[in-house]
């Protein structure tokens, strides 16, 4: 990599690196929330099943 290519790489990282990093961060957060939601739905189905037996 030469000194002339450095500004091009900085531009590429600025245009693509930051959005990719934000996307990965949001996907990780979203995945955690989906796991919590899945657990709550399972608990809710258990409560409904127990209520119907009762």
C-alpha atoms as a PDB file:
ATOM      1  CA  UNK A   1       0.000   0.000   0.000  1.00  0.00           C
ATOM      2  CA  UNK A   2       1.431   3.325  -0.997  1.00  0.00           C
ATOM      3  CA  UNK A   3       0.851   6.750   0.464  1.00  0.00           C
ATOM      4  CA  UNK A   4      -1.357   7.594  -2.500  1.00  0.00           C
ATOM      5  CA  UNK A   5      -3.706   4.675  -1.727  1.00  0.00           C
ATOM      6  CA  UNK A   6      -4.099   5.619   1.935  1.00  0.00           C
ATOM      7  CA  UNK A   7      -6.776   8.309   1.419  1.00  0.00           C
ATOM      8  CA  UNK A   8      -8.723   5.866  -0.747  1.00  0.00           C
ATOM      9  CA  UNK A   9      -8.640   3.243   2.025  1.00  0.00           C
ATOM     10  CA  UNK A  10      -9.731   5.813   4.595  1.00  0.00           C
ATOM     11  CA  UNK A  11     -12.669   6.744   2.374  1.00  0.00           C
ATOM     12  CA  UNK A  12     -13.599   3.089   1.869  1.00  0.00           C
ATOM     13  CA  UNK A  13     -13.474   2.403   5.609  1.00  0.00           C
ATOM     14  CA  UNK A  14     -15.519   5.507   6.318  1.00  0.00           C
ATOM     15  CA  UNK A  15     -18.151   4.588   3.765  1.00  0.00           C
ATOM     16  CA  UNK A  16     -18.429   0.877   4.538  1.00  0.00           C
ATOM     17  CA  UNK A  17     -16.711   0.097   7.828  1.00  0.00           C
ATOM     18  CA  UNK A  18     -18.870   2.251  10.083  1.00  0.00           C
ATOM     19  CA  UNK A  19     -22.237   1.088   8.686  1.00  0.00           C
ATOM     20  CA  UNK A  20     -21.109  -2.540   8.885  1.00  0.00           C
ATOM     21  CA  UNK A  21     -20.003  -2.096  12.505  1.00  0.00           C
ATOM     22  CA  UNK A  22     -23.337  -0.476  13.436  1.00  0.00           C
ATOM     23  CA  UNK A  23     -25.267  -3.244  11.677  1.00  0.00           C
ATOM     24  CA  UNK A  24     -23.379  -5.984  13.519  1.00  0.00           C
ATOM     25  CA  UNK A  25     -23.929  -4.191  16.837  1.00  0.00           C
ATOM     26  CA  UNK A  26     -27.667  -3.856  16.202  1.00  0.00           C
ATOM     27  CA  UNK A  27     -27.995  -7.493  15.117  1.00  0.00           C
ATOM     28  CA  UNK A  28     -26.327  -8.657  18.329  1.00  0.00           C
ATOM     29  CA  UNK A  29     -28.649  -6.508  20.435  1.00  0.00           C
ATOM     30  CA  UNK A  30     -31.684  -7.663  18.445  1.00  0.00           C
ATOM     31  CA  UNK A  31     -30.688 -11.307  18.872  1.00  0.00           C
ATOM     32  CA  UNK A  32     -30.529 -10.923  22.659  1.00  0.00           C
ATOM     33  CA  UNK A  33     -33.977  -9.355  22.685  1.00  0.00           C
ATOM     34  CA  UNK A  34     -35.350 -12.185  20.541  1.00  0.00           C
ATOM     35  CA  UNK A  35     -33.928 -14.755  22.963  1.00  0.00           C
ATOM     36  CA  UNK A  36     -35.649 -13.001  25.868  1.00  0.00           C
ATOM     37  CA  UNK A  37     -38.900 -12.819  23.919  1.00  0.00           C
ATOM     38  CA  UNK A  38     -38.689 -16.526  23.108  1.00  0.00           C
ATOM     39  CA  UNK A  39     -38.283 -17.367  26.802  1.00  0.00           C
ATOM     40  CA  UNK A  40     -41.263 -15.207  27.752  1.00  0.00           C
ATOM     41  CA  UNK A  41     -43.435 -16.863  25.101  1.00  0.00           C
ATOM     42  CA  UNK A  42     -42.466 -20.305  26.404  1.00  0.00           C
ATOM     43  CA  UNK A  43     -43.333 -19.232  29.950  1.00  0.00           C
ATOM     44  CA  UNK A  44     -46.656 -17.830  28.760  1.00  0.00           C
ATOM     45  CA  UNK A  45     -47.548 -21.066  26.988  1.00  0.00           C
ATOM     46  CA  UNK A  46     -46.730 -22.988  30.198  1.00  0.00           C
ATOM     47  CA  UNK A  47     -49.015 -20.697  32.211  1.00  0.00           C
ATOM     48  CA  UNK A  48     -51.831 -21.093  29.678  1.00  0.00           C
ATOM     49  CA  UNK A  49     -51.420 -24.876  29.683  1.00  0.00           C
ATOM     50  CA  UNK A  50     -51.464 -24.988  33.498  1.00  0.00           C
ATOM     51  CA  UNK A  51     -54.543 -22.746  33.606  1.00  0.00           C
ATOM     52  CA  UNK A  52     -56.480 -25.002  31.238  1.00  0.00           C
ATOM     53  CA  UNK A  53     -55.620 -28.089  33.322  1.00  0.00           C
ATOM     54  CA  UNK A  54     -56.736 -26.406  36.504  1.00  0.00           C
END
